[in-house]
Amino acid sequence: MDVIRRQPDRRRILHEDGNTAHRLRVEHDRARLFVELSGEDGKGPWTVMAVDRVSRRYAVAQGETKTAATEDAARALRDLLDP
């Protein structure tokens, strides 16, 4: 399972009113959804929830970068789905 392909038309970014550094991103492909939450200052640690679209099983991971947290969440989800 590869980490989601980055395509601008599939990326959704929200931020907190009054704190544009604090971001929440939602990315998806046909198989998975990724909810990526930055630290309060817009940096790490990032918290990422990966959700399998068919089963709705999910895994959560944290990392100092969005990429690291997303990769860890994707790997944990893969391990749940294919033990």
Protein backbone atom coordinates (compact mmCIF):
# COMPACT_ATOMS: atom_id res chain seq x y z
CA MET A 1 0.00 0.00 0.00
CA ASP A 2 1.65 3.22 -1.13
CA VAL A 3 1.16 6.49 0.66
CA ILE A 4 -1.51 8.54 -1.06
CA ARG A 5 -0.55 10.28 -4.29
CA ARG A 6 -0.40 14.05 -3.87
CA GLN A 7 -2.80 15.74 -6.28
CA PRO A 8 -3.88 19.34 -5.62
CA ASP A 9 -7.46 18.67 -6.74
CA ARG A 10 -7.78 15.99 -4.02
CA ARG A 11 -6.28 18.02 -1.19
CA ARG A 12 -8.54 19.85 1.25
CA ILE A 13 -6.94 22.22 3.77
CA LEU A 14 -8.74 23.92 6.65
CA HIS A 15 -7.34 26.13 9.37
CA GLU A 16 -8.54 27.46 12.68
CA ASP A 17 -10.09 30.94 12.72
CA GLY A 18 -7.46 33.29 14.08
CA ASN A 19 -4.69 30.68 13.83
CA THR A 20 -3.95 29.96 10.19
CA ALA A 21 -0.83 27.97 11.15
CA HIS A 22 -2.97 25.25 12.77
CA ARG A 23 -4.07 23.13 9.81
CA LEU A 24 -6.23 20.13 9.11
CA ARG A 25 -5.83 18.42 5.74
CA VAL A 26 -7.97 15.73 4.20
CA GLU A 27 -6.58 13.68 1.35
CA HIS A 28 -8.03 10.61 -0.29
CA ASP A 29 -7.81 8.07 -3.04
CA ARG A 30 -10.18 5.26 -4.05
CA ALA A 31 -9.07 3.07 -1.14
CA ARG A 32 -8.25 5.37 1.78
CA LEU A 33 -8.92 8.66 3.52
CA PHE A 34 -6.18 10.52 5.42
CA VAL A 35 -7.03 13.17 8.02
CA GLU A 36 -3.83 15.09 8.82
CA LEU A 37 -3.74 17.48 11.78
CA SER A 38 -0.77 19.78 12.37
CA GLY A 39 0.56 20.89 15.72
CA GLU A 40 -0.88 24.11 17.13
CA ASP A 41 1.96 26.13 15.59
CA GLY A 42 1.54 24.52 12.16
CA LYS A 43 4.56 22.31 12.62
CA GLY A 44 4.92 18.94 14.31
CA PRO A 45 3.98 16.79 15.78
CA TRP A 46 1.43 15.81 13.14
CA THR A 47 -1.39 13.42 13.97
CA VAL A 48 -2.75 11.39 11.04
CA MET A 49 -5.74 9.07 10.89
CA ALA A 50 -5.86 6.67 7.92
CA VAL A 51 -9.27 5.14 7.14
CA ASP A 52 -10.00 2.21 4.82
CA ARG A 53 -12.99 3.34 2.73
CA VAL A 54 -14.58 -0.13 2.42
CA SER A 55 -14.26 -1.52 5.95
CA ARG A 56 -13.97 1.81 7.83
CA ARG A 57 -11.11 0.33 9.85
CA TYR A 58 -8.64 2.99 10.84
CA ALA A 59 -5.18 3.59 12.28
CA VAL A 60 -3.70 6.68 13.90
CA ALA A 61 -0.06 7.74 14.02
CA GLN A 62 1.99 10.74 15.09
CA GLY A 63 5.24 12.06 13.70
CA GLU A 64 7.34 15.20 13.60
CA THR A 65 6.53 15.64 9.89
CA LYS A 66 3.28 15.14 8.00
CA THR A 67 4.98 12.68 5.67
CA ALA A 68 6.34 10.54 8.51
CA ALA A 69 2.99 10.45 10.30
CA THR A 70 1.11 9.64 7.08
CA GLU A 71 3.52 6.83 6.20
CA ASP A 72 3.22 5.37 9.70
CA ALA A 73 -0.59 5.56 9.64
CA ALA A 74 -0.70 3.94 6.18
CA ARG A 75 1.62 1.16 7.36
CA ALA A 76 -0.44 0.58 10.52
CA LEU A 77 -3.66 0.44 8.46
CA ARG A 78 -2.08 -2.05 6.07
CA ASP A 79 -1.07 -4.20 9.06
CA LEU A 80 -4.67 -4.13 10.36
CA LEU A 81 -6.09 -5.13 7.00
CA ASP A 82 -3.46 -7.75 6.09
CA PRO A 83 -2.21 -9.26 9.39
